[in-house]
Each structure stands twice: as C-alpha cells, then as structure tokens.
Amino acid sequence: MTGDNLTAMKESPFLERFTKKNIEVIFFEDAIDEYMVSSLVEVDSKKLKCITKDNIELEQTEDEKKALEEKKASFEKLAKFMKETLGDKVENVRVSGDRLVASPCILITSEWGWSA
C-alpha cells in the first residue's frame, strides 16, 4: 500500500479484510514508491499487488461466496442508481463484499492507474 502518511495508511479501510484474514501488507510512504511499486511485481517469489486498486481477489469459503452473491443481489439497484447519479465522474459502481469488514464503501482505482 502506498501513501503519504503511515498513520493514515494504518487506519485505512483498505486494510480491513487483510487484517481480518491475517494477510501481511507492506506500507510505502515515499513519493517515489508509487512509481517503483508499479514496476515491481515480485519480491522473494511473492507477487505484489496494490490493495487500493482493482482486481484484488482473496480466497473465500463457499459460505462467503454465497453471502457475497446475496449481498450483490440485494444492493444491485443501489449500485445502478449511484452509477446513474454519478455518471462520468466514476468508472463503475459495484458491490464488493470481499474488501471491507466495517466500512460502508471505498473508492478504488483501476489496476493500471495511479492510486488516489
């Protein structure tokens, strides 16, 4: 995870699911780190992914998968309404049950874009 402030990164809602699943996250707080991490794909045979970007997939149990599908279905109308309301200001609005634990929402950037 890249950012300007270590304290803010440690309190970020992006960490919720990773903390719950006990998955290690590396913090990069120098300005050059955003550029460096975009080119660095692997360290010690471990693939690096930015947790603030799209296409983060965590292992899920069958129960978690089923609950996610139910959640997506129940919030489908809200996501559609938000996309219509926000229009071109956002690329997409969707329900993502595999990222958050307590926070209501987050804004993510595309996999190949610069993070917020």
N, C-alpha and C. Protein backbone atom coordinates (compact mmCIF):
# COMPACT_ATOMS: atom_id res chain seq x y z
N MET A 1 0.85 -1.17 0.00
CA MET A 1 0.00 0.00 0.00
C MET A 1 0.90 1.23 0.00
N THR A 2 0.59 2.18 -0.88
CA THR A 2 1.36 3.42 -0.94
C THR A 2 0.53 4.56 -0.39
N GLY A 3 1.21 5.54 0.17
CA GLY A 3 0.52 6.70 0.71
C GLY A 3 1.51 7.72 1.25
N ASP A 4 0.99 8.86 1.67
CA ASP A 4 1.84 9.94 2.15
C ASP A 4 2.10 9.87 3.65
N ASN A 5 1.27 9.12 4.39
CA ASN A 5 1.31 9.17 5.83
C ASN A 5 1.09 7.77 6.39
N LEU A 6 2.06 7.28 7.14
CA LEU A 6 1.99 5.92 7.68
C LEU A 6 0.79 5.75 8.62
N THR A 7 0.51 6.74 9.44
CA THR A 7 -0.62 6.66 10.36
C THR A 7 -1.93 6.52 9.60
N ALA A 8 -2.11 7.33 8.56
CA ALA A 8 -3.34 7.27 7.75
C ALA A 8 -3.46 5.92 7.05
N MET A 9 -2.36 5.39 6.55
CA MET A 9 -2.41 4.09 5.88
C MET A 9 -2.81 2.98 6.85
N LYS A 10 -2.31 3.04 8.08
CA LYS A 10 -2.64 2.02 9.08
C LYS A 10 -4.10 2.07 9.49
N GLU A 11 -4.76 3.20 9.31
CA GLU A 11 -6.18 3.35 9.67
C GLU A 11 -7.10 3.22 8.46
N SER A 12 -6.55 2.93 7.31
CA SER A 12 -7.31 2.87 6.07
C SER A 12 -8.31 1.71 6.04
N PRO A 13 -9.51 1.95 5.51
CA PRO A 13 -10.47 0.85 5.36
C PRO A 13 -9.99 -0.22 4.38
N PHE A 14 -9.02 0.10 3.53
CA PHE A 14 -8.48 -0.91 2.61
C PHE A 14 -7.85 -2.08 3.36
N LEU A 15 -7.42 -1.86 4.60
CA LEU A 15 -6.76 -2.90 5.38
C LEU A 15 -7.71 -3.87 6.07
N GLU A 16 -8.98 -3.51 6.16
CA GLU A 16 -9.93 -4.28 6.97
C GLU A 16 -9.90 -5.78 6.70
N ARG A 17 -10.11 -6.18 5.48
CA ARG A 17 -10.18 -7.60 5.15
C ARG A 17 -8.82 -8.28 5.32
N PHE A 18 -7.76 -7.57 4.98
CA PHE A 18 -6.42 -8.14 5.10
C PHE A 18 -6.06 -8.38 6.56
N THR A 19 -6.43 -7.44 7.42
CA THR A 19 -6.21 -7.60 8.85
C THR A 19 -7.02 -8.77 9.39
N LYS A 20 -8.28 -8.84 8.98
CA LYS A 20 -9.16 -9.93 9.45
C LYS A 20 -8.63 -11.29 9.02
N LYS A 21 -8.08 -11.39 7.81
CA LYS A 21 -7.57 -12.66 7.31
C LYS A 21 -6.09 -12.87 7.63
N ASN A 22 -5.51 -11.93 8.42
CA ASN A 22 -4.12 -12.02 8.84
C ASN A 22 -3.16 -12.09 7.65
N ILE A 23 -3.38 -11.22 6.67
CA ILE A 23 -2.53 -11.14 5.49
C ILE A 23 -1.63 -9.93 5.64
N GLU A 24 -0.34 -10.14 5.45
CA GLU A 24 0.65 -9.08 5.62
C GLU A 24 0.54 -8.04 4.51
N VAL A 25 0.64 -6.77 4.90
CA VAL A 25 0.61 -5.66 3.96
C VAL A 25 1.86 -4.81 4.18
N ILE A 26 2.53 -4.45 3.10
CA ILE A 26 3.72 -3.59 3.18
C ILE A 26 3.28 -2.16 2.91
N PHE A 27 3.77 -1.22 3.74
CA PHE A 27 3.46 0.19 3.57
C PHE A 27 4.64 0.91 2.92
N PHE A 28 4.34 1.69 1.88
CA PHE A 28 5.34 2.52 1.21
C PHE A 28 4.88 3.97 1.33
N GLU A 29 5.69 4.82 1.98
CA GLU A 29 5.26 6.19 2.22
C GLU A 29 6.09 7.26 1.52
N ASP A 30 7.08 6.88 0.74
CA ASP A 30 7.85 7.87 -0.01
C ASP A 30 7.20 8.13 -1.36
N ALA A 31 7.32 9.35 -1.84
CA ALA A 31 6.66 9.75 -3.09
C ALA A 31 7.06 8.86 -4.27
N ILE A 32 8.29 8.43 -4.35
CA ILE A 32 8.76 7.62 -5.47
C ILE A 32 8.21 6.19 -5.41
N ASP A 33 7.73 5.77 -4.25
CA ASP A 33 7.27 4.39 -4.08
C ASP A 33 6.12 4.02 -5.00
N GLU A 34 5.22 4.94 -5.26
CA GLU A 34 4.08 4.65 -6.15
C GLU A 34 4.59 4.20 -7.52
N TYR A 35 5.57 4.91 -8.04
CA TYR A 35 6.15 4.57 -9.34
C TYR A 35 6.92 3.25 -9.26
N MET A 36 7.73 3.11 -8.21
CA MET A 36 8.56 1.92 -8.06
C MET A 36 7.71 0.65 -7.93
N VAL A 37 6.66 0.71 -7.12
CA VAL A 37 5.83 -0.46 -6.90
C VAL A 37 5.08 -0.86 -8.16
N SER A 38 4.75 0.10 -9.02
CA SER A 38 4.04 -0.25 -10.26
C SER A 38 4.91 -1.09 -11.19
N SER A 39 6.23 -1.00 -11.03
CA SER A 39 7.14 -1.78 -11.87
C SER A 39 7.62 -3.05 -11.18
N LEU A 40 7.50 -3.10 -9.87
CA LEU A 40 7.97 -4.24 -9.09
C LEU A 40 6.81 -5.22 -8.91
N VAL A 41 6.91 -6.38 -9.51
CA VAL A 41 5.79 -7.32 -9.46
C VAL A 41 6.00 -8.47 -8.48
N GLU A 42 7.25 -8.70 -8.07
CA GLU A 42 7.53 -9.85 -7.23
C GLU A 42 8.73 -9.58 -6.33
N VAL A 43 8.63 -10.05 -5.09
CA VAL A 43 9.74 -9.97 -4.13
C VAL A 43 9.82 -11.32 -3.43
N ASP A 44 10.99 -11.94 -3.45
CA ASP A 44 11.18 -13.25 -2.82
C ASP A 44 10.09 -14.25 -3.23
N SER A 45 9.81 -14.32 -4.50
CA SER A 45 8.81 -15.23 -5.08
C SER A 45 7.39 -14.95 -4.63
N LYS A 46 7.13 -13.77 -4.08
CA LYS A 46 5.77 -13.38 -3.68
C LYS A 46 5.32 -12.23 -4.57
N LYS A 47 4.16 -12.41 -5.19
CA LYS A 47 3.62 -11.38 -6.07
C LYS A 47 3.11 -10.21 -5.25
N LEU A 48 3.40 -9.00 -5.71
CA LEU A 48 2.94 -7.79 -5.04
C LEU A 48 1.71 -7.26 -5.76
N LYS A 49 0.71 -6.84 -4.99
CA LYS A 49 -0.50 -6.22 -5.53
C LYS A 49 -0.81 -5.03 -4.66
N CYS A 50 -1.24 -3.95 -5.27
CA CYS A 50 -1.65 -2.76 -4.52
C CYS A 50 -3.08 -2.98 -4.03
N ILE A 51 -3.29 -2.92 -2.72
CA ILE A 51 -4.60 -3.21 -2.17
C ILE A 51 -5.59 -2.08 -2.36
N THR A 52 -5.14 -0.94 -2.87
CA THR A 52 -6.06 0.18 -3.12
C THR A 52 -6.56 0.19 -4.56
N LYS A 53 -6.17 -0.81 -5.32
CA LYS A 53 -6.56 -0.87 -6.73
C LYS A 53 -7.49 -2.05 -7.00
N ASP A 54 -8.03 -2.05 -8.20
CA ASP A 54 -8.97 -3.08 -8.64
C ASP A 54 -8.25 -4.42 -8.80
N ASN A 55 -9.03 -5.47 -8.92
CA ASN A 55 -8.55 -6.84 -9.19
C ASN A 55 -7.78 -7.47 -8.04
N ILE A 56 -8.21 -7.19 -6.82
CA ILE A 56 -7.67 -7.89 -5.65
C ILE A 56 -8.66 -8.99 -5.31
N GLU A 57 -8.19 -10.22 -5.34
CA GLU A 57 -9.06 -11.34 -5.02
C GLU A 57 -8.46 -12.11 -3.85
N LEU A 58 -9.28 -12.32 -2.84
CA LEU A 58 -8.87 -13.08 -1.67
C LEU A 58 -9.60 -14.41 -1.67
N GLU A 59 -8.96 -15.41 -1.10
CA GLU A 59 -9.62 -16.72 -1.01
C GLU A 59 -10.88 -16.60 -0.18
N GLN A 60 -11.93 -17.30 -0.62
CA GLN A 60 -13.20 -17.27 0.08
C GLN A 60 -13.73 -18.68 0.27
N THR A 61 -14.41 -18.87 1.39
CA THR A 61 -15.09 -20.14 1.62
C THR A 61 -16.37 -20.14 0.78
N GLU A 62 -16.99 -21.29 0.66
CA GLU A 62 -18.24 -21.38 -0.08
C GLU A 62 -19.32 -20.52 0.57
N ASP A 63 -19.34 -20.48 1.90
CA ASP A 63 -20.32 -19.64 2.61
C ASP A 63 -20.09 -18.17 2.32
N GLU A 64 -18.83 -17.75 2.28
CA GLU A 64 -18.51 -16.36 1.97
C GLU A 64 -18.91 -16.01 0.54
N LYS A 65 -18.69 -16.93 -0.38
CA LYS A 65 -19.08 -16.70 -1.78
C LYS A 65 -20.59 -16.56 -1.91
N LYS A 66 -21.33 -17.42 -1.21
CA LYS A 66 -22.78 -17.37 -1.25
C LYS A 66 -23.30 -16.06 -0.64
N ALA A 67 -22.72 -15.66 0.49
CA ALA A 67 -23.12 -14.40 1.14
C ALA A 67 -22.83 -13.21 0.25
N LEU A 68 -21.71 -13.24 -0.47
CA LEU A 68 -21.35 -12.16 -1.38
C LEU A 68 -22.36 -12.05 -2.52
N GLU A 69 -22.75 -13.16 -3.09
CA GLU A 69 -23.74 -13.15 -4.17
C GLU A 69 -25.07 -12.59 -3.69
N GLU A 70 -25.47 -12.96 -2.48
CA GLU A 70 -26.72 -12.44 -1.91
C GLU A 70 -26.61 -10.92 -1.68
N LYS A 71 -25.46 -10.49 -1.19
CA LYS A 71 -25.24 -9.06 -0.95
C LYS A 71 -25.27 -8.28 -2.27
N LYS A 72 -24.61 -8.82 -3.28
CA LYS A 72 -24.61 -8.16 -4.59
C LYS A 72 -26.03 -8.01 -5.12
N ALA A 73 -26.82 -9.06 -4.99
CA ALA A 73 -28.19 -9.02 -5.48
C ALA A 73 -29.03 -8.00 -4.72
N SER A 74 -28.85 -7.93 -3.41
CA SER A 74 -29.66 -7.01 -2.61
C SER A 74 -29.29 -5.54 -2.83
N PHE A 75 -28.07 -5.26 -3.25
CA PHE A 75 -27.63 -3.88 -3.47
C PHE A 75 -27.51 -3.50 -4.94
N GLU A 76 -27.96 -4.36 -5.84
CA GLU A 76 -27.84 -4.13 -7.28
C GLU A 76 -28.53 -2.83 -7.69
N LYS A 77 -29.73 -2.58 -7.19
CA LYS A 77 -30.47 -1.36 -7.55
C LYS A 77 -29.75 -0.11 -7.05
N LEU A 78 -29.21 -0.17 -5.85
CA LEU A 78 -28.48 0.97 -5.30
C LEU A 78 -27.24 1.28 -6.12
N ALA A 79 -26.49 0.25 -6.49
CA ALA A 79 -25.29 0.45 -7.30
C ALA A 79 -25.65 1.07 -8.65
N LYS A 80 -26.72 0.61 -9.25
CA LYS A 80 -27.16 1.15 -10.54
C LYS A 80 -27.57 2.62 -10.38
N PHE A 81 -28.31 2.93 -9.31
CA PHE A 81 -28.73 4.31 -9.05
C PHE A 81 -27.52 5.22 -8.84
N MET A 82 -26.54 4.75 -8.07
CA MET A 82 -25.34 5.56 -7.80
C MET A 82 -24.56 5.81 -9.09
N LYS A 83 -24.44 4.81 -9.95
CA LYS A 83 -23.72 4.99 -11.22
C LYS A 83 -24.46 5.99 -12.10
N GLU A 84 -25.78 5.87 -12.17
CA GLU A 84 -26.56 6.81 -12.98
C GLU A 84 -26.43 8.23 -12.43
N THR A 85 -26.44 8.38 -11.11
CA THR A 85 -26.34 9.68 -10.48
C THR A 85 -24.95 10.29 -10.67
N LEU A 86 -23.90 9.49 -10.50
CA LEU A 86 -22.54 10.00 -10.62
C LEU A 86 -22.07 10.10 -12.07
N GLY A 87 -22.66 9.33 -12.94
CA GLY A 87 -22.35 9.40 -14.37
C GLY A 87 -20.89 9.18 -14.68
N ASP A 88 -20.30 10.13 -15.43
CA ASP A 88 -18.91 10.01 -15.87
C ASP A 88 -17.89 10.33 -14.78
N LYS A 89 -18.35 10.73 -13.62
CA LYS A 89 -17.43 11.05 -12.52
C LYS A 89 -16.78 9.78 -11.95
N VAL A 90 -17.42 8.63 -12.20
CA VAL A 90 -16.87 7.35 -11.77
C VAL A 90 -16.87 6.39 -12.95
N GLU A 91 -15.94 5.47 -12.93
CA GLU A 91 -15.88 4.47 -14.00
C GLU A 91 -16.92 3.38 -13.78
N ASN A 92 -17.12 3.01 -12.49
CA ASN A 92 -18.01 1.90 -12.19
C ASN A 92 -18.46 1.99 -10.73
N VAL A 93 -19.61 1.44 -10.43
CA VAL A 93 -20.09 1.31 -9.05
C VAL A 93 -20.51 -0.14 -8.90
N ARG A 94 -19.97 -0.80 -7.88
CA ARG A 94 -20.34 -2.20 -7.68
C ARG A 94 -20.23 -2.58 -6.21
N VAL A 95 -20.88 -3.65 -5.88
CA VAL A 95 -20.83 -4.19 -4.53
C VAL A 95 -19.64 -5.14 -4.45
N SER A 96 -18.82 -4.93 -3.45
CA SER A 96 -17.64 -5.76 -3.27
C SER A 96 -17.58 -6.24 -1.84
N GLY A 97 -18.01 -7.43 -1.60
CA GLY A 97 -18.06 -7.96 -0.24
C GLY A 97 -16.77 -8.58 0.22
N ASP A 98 -15.76 -8.62 -0.63
CA ASP A 98 -14.52 -9.27 -0.23
C ASP A 98 -13.42 -8.29 0.16
N ARG A 99 -13.74 -6.99 0.29
CA ARG A 99 -12.72 -5.99 0.66
C ARG A 99 -12.94 -5.41 2.05
N LEU A 100 -14.18 -5.12 2.39
CA LEU A 100 -14.47 -4.38 3.61
C LEU A 100 -15.05 -5.27 4.69
N VAL A 101 -14.88 -4.84 5.93
CA VAL A 101 -15.45 -5.55 7.06
C VAL A 101 -16.45 -4.64 7.77
N ALA A 102 -16.04 -3.41 8.08
CA ALA A 102 -16.90 -2.49 8.84
C ALA A 102 -17.26 -1.22 8.08
N SER A 103 -16.43 -0.80 7.16
CA SER A 103 -16.67 0.46 6.44
C SER A 103 -17.75 0.27 5.38
N PRO A 104 -18.54 1.33 5.11
CA PRO A 104 -19.61 1.19 4.13
C PRO A 104 -19.14 1.19 2.68
N CYS A 105 -18.05 1.92 2.38
CA CYS A 105 -17.59 1.95 1.00
C CYS A 105 -16.16 2.46 0.91
N ILE A 106 -15.54 2.21 -0.24
CA ILE A 106 -14.22 2.75 -0.56
C ILE A 106 -14.20 3.11 -2.04
N LEU A 107 -13.28 3.97 -2.39
CA LEU A 107 -13.06 4.31 -3.79
C LEU A 107 -11.75 3.67 -4.22
N ILE A 108 -11.80 2.88 -5.28
CA ILE A 108 -10.59 2.23 -5.77
C ILE A 108 -10.26 2.77 -7.15
N THR A 109 -9.02 2.59 -7.54
CA THR A 109 -8.59 2.99 -8.87
C THR A 109 -8.38 1.74 -9.70
N SER A 110 -8.31 1.93 -11.01
CA SER A 110 -8.11 0.78 -11.89
C SER A 110 -6.74 0.15 -11.62
N GLU A 111 -6.60 -1.08 -12.03
CA GLU A 111 -5.38 -1.84 -11.74
C GLU A 111 -4.14 -1.14 -12.28
N TRP A 112 -4.23 -0.48 -13.42
CA TRP A 112 -3.05 0.13 -14.04
C TRP A 112 -3.01 1.65 -13.87
N GLY A 113 -3.96 2.22 -13.12
CA GLY A 113 -3.96 3.66 -12.89
C GLY A 113 -3.20 4.02 -11.64
N TRP A 114 -2.95 5.32 -11.46
CA TRP A 114 -2.30 5.79 -10.24
C TRP A 114 -3.30 5.74 -9.10
N SER A 115 -2.83 5.37 -7.92
CA SER A 115 -3.73 5.28 -6.77
C SER A 115 -4.11 6.69 -6.30
N ALA A 116 -5.20 6.76 -5.57
CA ALA A 116 -5.66 8.05 -5.04
C ALA A 116 -4.63 8.60 -4.08
